[in-house]
Protein backbone atom coordinates (compact mmCIF):
# COMPACT_ATOMS: atom_id res chain seq x y z
CA UNK A 1 18.76 -7.36 -6.81
CA UNK A 2 18.96 -4.48 -3.96
CA UNK A 3 19.53 -2.01 -6.92
CA UNK A 4 15.64 -2.79 -7.60
CA UNK A 5 14.78 -2.85 -4.17
CA UNK A 6 15.76 0.91 -4.46
CA UNK A 7 13.55 1.29 -7.35
CA UNK A 8 10.45 -0.07 -5.69
CA UNK A 9 11.51 2.00 -2.65
CA UNK A 10 11.01 5.09 -4.79
CA UNK A 11 8.66 3.67 -6.58
CA UNK A 12 6.40 3.39 -3.62
CA UNK A 13 7.58 6.69 -2.48
CA UNK A 14 6.16 8.54 -5.57
CA UNK A 15 3.48 6.20 -5.34
CA UNK A 16 2.80 7.37 -1.26
CA UNK A 17 3.55 11.31 -2.95
CA UNK A 18 0.83 10.58 -6.02
CA UNK A 19 -2.22 9.66 -3.24
CA UNK A 20 -1.08 12.25 -0.48
CA UNK A 21 -1.73 14.88 -3.52
CA UNK A 22 -4.82 13.75 -4.65
CA UNK A 23 -6.56 13.96 -1.42
CA UNK A 24 -5.28 17.15 -0.57
CA UNK A 25 -6.31 19.07 -4.47
CA UNK A 26 -8.85 16.67 -4.80
CA UNK A 27 -11.10 14.83 -1.78
CA UNK A 28 -10.00 18.33 0.58
CA UNK A 29 -11.89 20.41 -2.78
CA UNK A 30 -11.24 24.29 -1.25
CA UNK A 31 -9.22 24.63 -4.08
CA UNK A 32 -11.33 26.23 -7.94
CA UNK A 33 -10.76 24.50 -10.72
CA UNK A 34 -7.67 24.73 -12.81
CA UNK A 35 -4.54 23.63 -13.57
CA UNK A 36 -3.34 22.87 -10.11
CA UNK A 37 -6.42 20.90 -9.35
CA UNK A 38 -6.24 19.14 -12.27
CA UNK A 39 -2.96 17.59 -10.82
CA UNK A 40 -4.99 15.70 -8.39
CA UNK A 41 -6.05 14.20 -10.69
CA UNK A 42 -5.53 10.71 -11.16
CA UNK A 43 -3.00 10.03 -7.74
CA UNK A 44 -5.21 8.01 -7.34
CA UNK A 45 -3.68 5.66 -8.92
CA UNK A 46 -1.00 5.38 -6.64
CA UNK A 47 -2.97 2.54 -4.82
CA UNK A 48 -3.48 0.47 -7.79
CA UNK A 49 0.66 1.22 -7.82
CA UNK A 50 1.26 -0.67 -4.51
CA UNK A 51 -0.51 -3.61 -5.16
CA UNK A 52 2.07 -5.01 -8.35
CA UNK A 53 4.76 -3.60 -5.99
CA UNK A 54 2.79 -5.71 -3.12
CA UNK A 55 2.09 -8.03 -5.96
CA UNK A 56 6.28 -8.60 -6.36
CA UNK A 57 7.69 -7.91 -3.29
CA UNK A 58 5.65 -10.01 -1.12
CA UNK A 59 6.56 -12.61 -2.98
CA UNK A 60 10.22 -11.87 -3.96
CA UNK A 61 10.76 -11.57 -0.77
CA UNK A 62 9.29 -15.16 0.95
CA UNK A 63 11.42 -16.93 -1.59
CA UNK A 64 14.40 -15.39 -0.41
CA UNK A 65 13.65 -16.06 3.34
CA UNK A 66 13.02 -19.83 2.82
CA UNK A 67 9.88 -19.64 3.15
CA UNK A 68 7.31 -23.29 3.90
CA UNK A 69 3.87 -23.42 4.26
CA UNK A 70 4.84 -24.35 7.59
CA UNK A 71 6.33 -20.63 8.75
CA UNK A 72 2.02 -19.57 7.84
CA UNK A 73 1.95 -18.83 11.31
CA UNK A 74 5.41 -16.70 11.87
CA UNK A 75 5.24 -15.15 8.26
CA UNK A 76 2.10 -14.07 8.80
CA UNK A 77 2.44 -12.56 13.06
CA UNK A 78 5.58 -10.48 10.99
CA UNK A 79 3.49 -9.26 8.98
CA UNK A 80 1.78 -7.77 11.23
CA UNK A 81 3.90 -6.92 13.89
CA UNK A 82 5.60 -4.75 10.83
CA UNK A 83 2.33 -3.06 9.62
CA UNK A 84 -0.12 -2.57 13.20
CA UNK A 85 1.65 -0.54 14.96
CA UNK A 86 1.95 2.61 12.76
CA UNK A 87 -1.61 1.79 11.54
CA UNK A 88 -2.41 1.77 15.23
CA UNK A 89 -0.57 4.71 15.84
CA UNK A 90 -2.42 6.31 12.84
CA UNK A 91 -5.96 5.37 14.17
CA UNK A 92 -4.94 7.05 17.41
CA UNK A 93 -4.01 10.20 15.41
CA UNK A 94 -7.10 10.34 13.97
CA UNK A 95 -9.07 10.33 17.14
CA UNK A 96 -6.90 13.05 18.41
CA UNK A 97 -7.51 15.11 15.57
CA UNK A 98 -11.61 14.65 16.03
CA UNK A 99 -11.20 15.50 19.85
CA UNK A 100 -9.52 18.81 18.89
CA UNK A 101 -12.83 19.15 16.30
CA UNK A 102 -15.30 18.94 18.22
CA UNK A 103 -14.24 21.82 21.03
CA UNK A 104 -11.97 23.94 18.35
CA UNK A 105 -13.93 26.25 17.58
CA UNK A 106 -12.30 27.80 14.81
CA UNK A 107 -12.34 24.69 12.73
CA UNK A 108 -14.96 24.84 9.80
CA UNK A 109 -15.16 21.50 8.34
CA UNK A 110 -17.38 18.38 8.30
CA UNK A 111 -16.51 17.01 12.28
CA UNK A 112 -16.34 12.54 11.92
CA UNK A 113 -18.42 10.89 14.49
CA UNK A 114 -16.60 8.28 16.40
CA UNK A 115 -19.29 4.90 16.63
CA UNK A 116 -17.10 2.28 18.62
CA UNK A 117 -18.35 -0.28 17.68
CA UNK A 118 -16.80 0.60 14.29
CA UNK A 119 -13.16 1.74 15.97
CA UNK A 120 -12.93 -1.63 17.21
CA UNK A 121 -13.36 -3.16 14.16
CA UNK A 122 -10.84 -1.60 13.33
CA UNK A 123 -8.45 -4.48 14.83
CA UNK A 124 -8.05 -7.01 12.30
CA UNK A 125 -9.59 -4.74 9.99
CA UNK A 126 -12.69 -5.52 10.25
CA UNK A 127 -15.27 -2.89 9.49
CA UNK A 128 -15.14 -4.22 5.83
CA UNK A 129 -17.25 -7.43 6.62
CA UNK A 130 -19.47 -5.38 8.76
CA UNK A 131 -19.97 -2.45 6.46
CA UNK A 132 -19.19 -0.21 9.39
CA UNK A 133 -16.91 3.66 7.60
CA UNK A 134 -12.92 4.21 8.47
CA UNK A 135 -11.85 6.53 10.00
CA UNK A 136 -9.35 7.03 7.67
CA UNK A 137 -10.22 7.07 4.62
CA UNK A 138 -6.48 5.23 3.02
CA UNK A 139 -7.70 2.14 5.91
CA UNK A 140 -9.46 0.20 3.46
CA UNK A 141 -7.02 -0.54 1.49
CA UNK A 142 -5.05 -1.88 4.72
CA UNK A 143 -7.85 -4.30 4.06
CA UNK A 144 -6.83 -5.50 1.08
CA UNK A 145 -2.93 -5.86 2.26
CA UNK A 146 -3.75 -8.38 5.06
CA UNK A 147 -5.75 -10.00 2.28
CA UNK A 148 -3.41 -10.31 0.40
CA UNK A 149 -0.98 -11.69 2.72
CA UNK A 150 -3.52 -14.13 4.15
CA UNK A 151 -3.29 -15.73 0.57
CA UNK A 152 -0.48 -15.63 -0.87
CA UNK A 153 1.55 -17.30 2.09
CA UNK A 154 -0.66 -19.85 1.41
CA UNK A 155 -0.60 -19.88 -2.02
CA UNK A 156 4.08 -19.78 -2.23
CA UNK A 157 4.38 -23.29 -3.76
CA UNK A 158 2.41 -22.62 -6.60
CA UNK A 159 3.47 -18.84 -7.65
CA UNK A 160 7.10 -20.36 -6.96
CA UNK A 161 6.91 -23.86 -8.82
CA UNK A 162 8.92 -24.75 -11.45
CA UNK A 163 5.87 -26.49 -13.40
CA UNK A 164 4.55 -25.09 -15.95
CA UNK A 165 1.43 -26.30 -15.18
CA UNK A 166 1.13 -24.91 -12.04
CA UNK A 167 1.99 -21.59 -12.14
CA UNK A 168 -0.34 -21.14 -14.93
CA UNK A 169 -3.38 -23.26 -12.94
CA UNK A 170 -2.69 -21.51 -10.14
CA UNK A 171 -2.69 -17.89 -12.06
CA UNK A 172 -6.30 -19.35 -13.53
CA UNK A 173 -8.38 -19.55 -10.81
CA UNK A 174 -6.33 -16.59 -9.55
CA UNK A 175 -8.14 -13.70 -12.29
CA UNK A 176 -10.97 -16.12 -12.57
CA UNK A 177 -11.96 -14.68 -8.55
CA UNK A 178 -11.59 -11.57 -9.92
CA UNK A 179 -13.90 -12.10 -12.77
CA UNK A 180 -16.82 -13.73 -10.71
CA UNK A 181 -15.92 -12.30 -7.71
CA UNK A 182 -15.27 -7.98 -8.96
CA UNK A 183 -16.71 -6.16 -4.91
CA UNK A 184 -14.32 -3.43 -4.23
CA UNK A 185 -13.62 -4.11 -0.65
CA UNK A 186 -12.17 -7.34 -1.32
CA UNK A 187 -8.97 -8.81 -2.54
CA UNK A 188 -10.79 -10.18 -5.18
CA UNK A 189 -11.93 -7.22 -7.35
CA UNK A 190 -7.88 -6.35 -7.68
CA UNK A 191 -6.30 -9.86 -8.14
CA UNK A 192 -5.41 -8.80 -11.83
CA UNK A 193 -3.10 -6.26 -9.94
CA UNK A 194 -1.39 -8.21 -7.17
CA UNK A 195 -0.82 -11.31 -10.78
CA UNK A 196 0.93 -8.07 -12.56
CA UNK A 197 3.44 -7.98 -9.40
CA UNK A 198 4.38 -12.35 -8.97
CA UNK A 199 4.52 -12.17 -12.79
CA UNK A 200 7.72 -10.07 -11.87
CA UNK A 201 8.54 -12.21 -9.53
CA UNK A 202 8.96 -14.41 -11.35
CA UNK A 203 10.32 -12.94 -14.42
CA UNK A 204 12.89 -11.34 -11.61
CA UNK A 205 13.76 -14.59 -9.94
CA UNK A 206 13.80 -16.68 -13.43
CA UNK A 207 10.97 -18.89 -12.68
CA UNK A 208 9.29 -18.22 -15.80
CA UNK A 209 11.76 -17.04 -19.07
CA UNK A 210 11.01 -13.58 -21.19
CA UNK A 211 7.73 -14.86 -23.43
CA UNK A 212 5.99 -16.86 -20.98
CA UNK A 213 6.40 -13.51 -19.05
CA UNK A 214 5.74 -11.00 -21.33
CA UNK A 215 2.39 -13.77 -21.95
CA UNK A 216 1.79 -12.83 -18.43
CA UNK A 217 1.68 -9.66 -18.36
CA UNK A 218 -0.31 -8.82 -21.24
CA UNK A 219 -4.05 -11.37 -19.51
CA UNK A 220 -3.16 -9.24 -16.58
CA UNK A 221 -3.24 -5.91 -17.54
CA UNK A 222 -6.61 -7.58 -19.80
CA UNK A 223 -8.35 -9.26 -17.24
CA UNK A 224 -7.91 -5.62 -14.70
CA UNK A 225 -9.32 -4.02 -17.90
CA UNK A 226 -12.23 -6.04 -18.29
CA UNK A 227 -13.10 -6.17 -14.28
CA UNK A 228 -11.25 -2.17 -13.26
CA UNK A 229 -11.55 -0.67 -16.56
CA UNK A 230 -8.61 1.02 -18.25
CA UNK A 231 -7.18 3.96 -15.74
CA UNK A 232 -6.16 1.02 -14.04
CA UNK A 233 -4.63 -1.06 -16.28
CA UNK A 234 -2.52 2.35 -17.18
CA UNK A 235 -1.31 2.09 -13.23
CA UNK A 236 -1.17 -1.70 -13.76
CA UNK A 237 2.06 -1.15 -16.24
CA UNK A 238 3.39 1.63 -14.80
CA UNK A 239 4.29 -0.21 -11.29
CA UNK A 240 5.48 -2.76 -13.03
CA UNK A 241 8.51 -0.90 -15.80
CA UNK A 242 8.23 0.99 -12.92
CA UNK A 243 9.77 -2.49 -10.59
CA UNK A 244 11.61 -3.77 -13.47
CA UNK A 245 13.29 -0.82 -14.83
CA UNK A 246 13.25 1.71 -12.42
CA UNK A 247 17.08 2.89 -10.99
CA UNK A 248 16.95 5.80 -8.48
CA UNK A 249 19.47 6.28 -5.91
CA UNK A 250 18.18 10.22 -5.86
CA UNK A 251 18.08 11.21 -2.24
CA UNK A 252 15.04 12.82 -2.45
CA UNK A 253 13.60 9.35 -4.08
CA UNK A 254 14.98 6.59 -1.10
CA UNK A 255 13.74 9.55 1.86
CA UNK A 256 10.30 9.46 0.70
CA UNK A 257 10.25 6.13 0.03
CA UNK A 258 11.27 5.19 3.23
CA UNK A 259 9.02 7.07 4.51
CA UNK A 260 5.97 5.58 2.40
CA UNK A 261 4.62 3.71 4.52
CA UNK A 262 3.74 5.95 7.25
CA UNK A 263 2.44 9.37 4.80
CA UNK A 264 0.14 7.30 3.39
CA UNK A 265 -0.84 6.63 7.38
CA UNK A 266 -0.94 9.78 8.29
CA UNK A 267 -1.58 12.10 6.48
CA UNK A 268 -5.02 11.98 6.34
CA UNK A 269 -5.32 13.27 9.32
CA UNK A 270 -2.51 16.08 8.95
CA UNK A 271 -4.29 17.12 5.55
CA UNK A 272 -8.29 17.59 8.11
CA UNK A 273 -6.61 19.39 10.34
CA UNK A 274 -4.01 22.04 7.77
CA UNK A 275 -7.13 22.65 6.40
CA UNK A 276 -10.03 22.52 8.79
CA UNK A 277 -8.27 25.62 10.58
CA UNK A 278 -7.36 27.03 7.06
CA UNK A 279 -10.10 27.64 5.29
CA UNK A 280 -11.84 30.54 6.30
CA UNK A 281 -8.63 32.05 6.12
CA UNK A 282 -8.49 30.33 2.27
CA UNK A 283 -10.19 33.42 0.37
CA UNK A 284 -8.16 33.12 -2.68
CA UNK A 285 -6.39 30.60 -5.40
CA UNK A 286 -2.91 32.13 -3.79
CA UNK A 287 -3.50 30.86 -0.27
CA UNK A 288 -5.21 27.66 -0.61
CA UNK A 289 -2.98 26.72 -2.81
CA UNK A 290 -0.36 27.52 -0.02
CA UNK A 291 -1.95 26.03 2.35
CA UNK A 292 -2.31 22.38 0.60
CA UNK A 293 1.66 23.11 0.34
CA UNK A 294 1.42 23.63 4.41
CA UNK A 295 -0.32 20.22 4.60
CA UNK A 296 1.67 18.82 2.54
CA UNK A 297 4.84 19.11 3.52
CA UNK A 298 3.53 18.85 7.40
CA UNK A 299 1.78 15.08 6.36
CA UNK A 300 5.83 14.37 5.55
CA UNK A 301 7.24 16.27 9.13
CA UNK A 302 4.36 13.67 10.50
CA UNK A 303 5.85 10.86 8.13
CA UNK A 304 9.16 11.13 9.39
CA UNK A 305 8.53 11.27 12.99
CA UNK A 306 6.10 8.74 12.68
CA UNK A 307 8.52 6.06 11.11
CA UNK A 308 11.33 7.12 13.37
CA UNK A 309 9.56 6.51 16.81
CA UNK A 310 6.99 4.25 16.11
CA UNK A 311 7.87 2.41 12.06
CA UNK A 312 11.45 1.87 12.85
CA UNK A 313 11.33 -0.03 15.67
CA UNK A 314 8.71 -1.99 13.87
CA UNK A 315 10.43 -2.91 11.62
CA UNK A 316 13.10 -4.37 14.18
CA UNK A 317 10.77 -6.54 16.25
CA UNK A 318 8.98 -8.19 12.83
CA UNK A 319 12.60 -8.83 11.93
CA UNK A 320 13.32 -10.29 15.42
CA UNK A 321 10.81 -13.31 14.47
CA UNK A 322 12.77 -16.21 13.12
CA UNK A 323 11.41 -18.81 10.37
CA UNK A 324 11.66 -21.69 11.70
CA UNK A 325 15.25 -24.37 10.67
CA UNK A 326 15.14 -26.59 8.28
CA UNK A 327 15.98 -29.52 8.72
CA UNK A 328 19.24 -29.81 7.54
CA UNK A 329 19.41 -26.91 9.69
CA UNK A 330 19.89 -23.68 8.23
CA UNK A 331 18.01 -20.99 9.21
CA UNK A 332 14.62 -20.80 6.29
CA UNK A 333 13.67 -17.64 8.32
CA UNK A 334 15.89 -14.61 7.09
CA UNK A 335 15.26 -10.78 7.18
CA UNK A 336 14.59 -10.28 3.54
CA UNK A 337 10.63 -9.29 4.37
CA UNK A 338 11.88 -5.90 6.50
CA UNK A 339 13.48 -4.96 2.10
CA UNK A 340 9.55 -4.22 1.40
CA UNK A 341 8.07 -1.24 3.03
CA UNK A 342 5.32 -1.71 2.36
CA UNK A 343 1.53 0.83 1.73
CA UNK A 344 -0.59 -0.92 1.21
CA UNK A 345 0.84 -0.66 0.79
């Protein structure tokens, strides 16, 4: 199964790179219309791939860890200590870039106003509840992911049940929430994507057979199509196929997978800094392309630093929290969750 995890890491790295390229080529809006700009058109769908990956990897890790509902508080603590330090560090980077822009006469982009209340609400991903804007355009997906953690820790025994009726009823009820509650700022709007990943988990762990898996994926794909649209459906199926079939031993892809969470967090402020300062020099398309490539390269470098200085220590800190022992005395809390390098995932 380790080979499959390496494939998931590569898939995660590609998804983070796709989202970054989308922000550099489309959101930044410094490129003229053409082939280069069009390459980033669908990069935002990397987020949907992340959701499918999370739907798979978290239940997989919980099962390997011998997770029980009594471990729920520890599970959340492990998730928070794993994800929040890089998240908080990236907030400080955004604030530093914003502060720099406030006093720089060379910046020609839009300046970001900091609302103290909105800033405070970033703790706990509460901006979505109180309708405050995010400092970083990718943070909304972290709120979705955290909602998923709150949910999956509670229903894990249901989705991993040996009883088909229990599993199908759980699948149906979760799917119903996606149909009834289509607000994109909450997990319900993306539930069928997470269900795709959960179905892959059930299949890979031999909880369901091949034909039941095919039916579940087909039902989830129809659900994604009805609630989100065709592009999301294709992205979800790419995520499923990537988890099942991608076998990556490529050094570059594995490196991108390793730093994917940090890259996902850090690329927007880095892009804002590089493109904001360089915009006045971007007098033609070739220079604009070089500027975007420079922003991507600097983002990868900054992500590697963030990974080494913050994310890797956070992983080790998270691994130090153990689940309570089972009644038989065997440790129920192996560190399988650390196989997951989330981005949002």
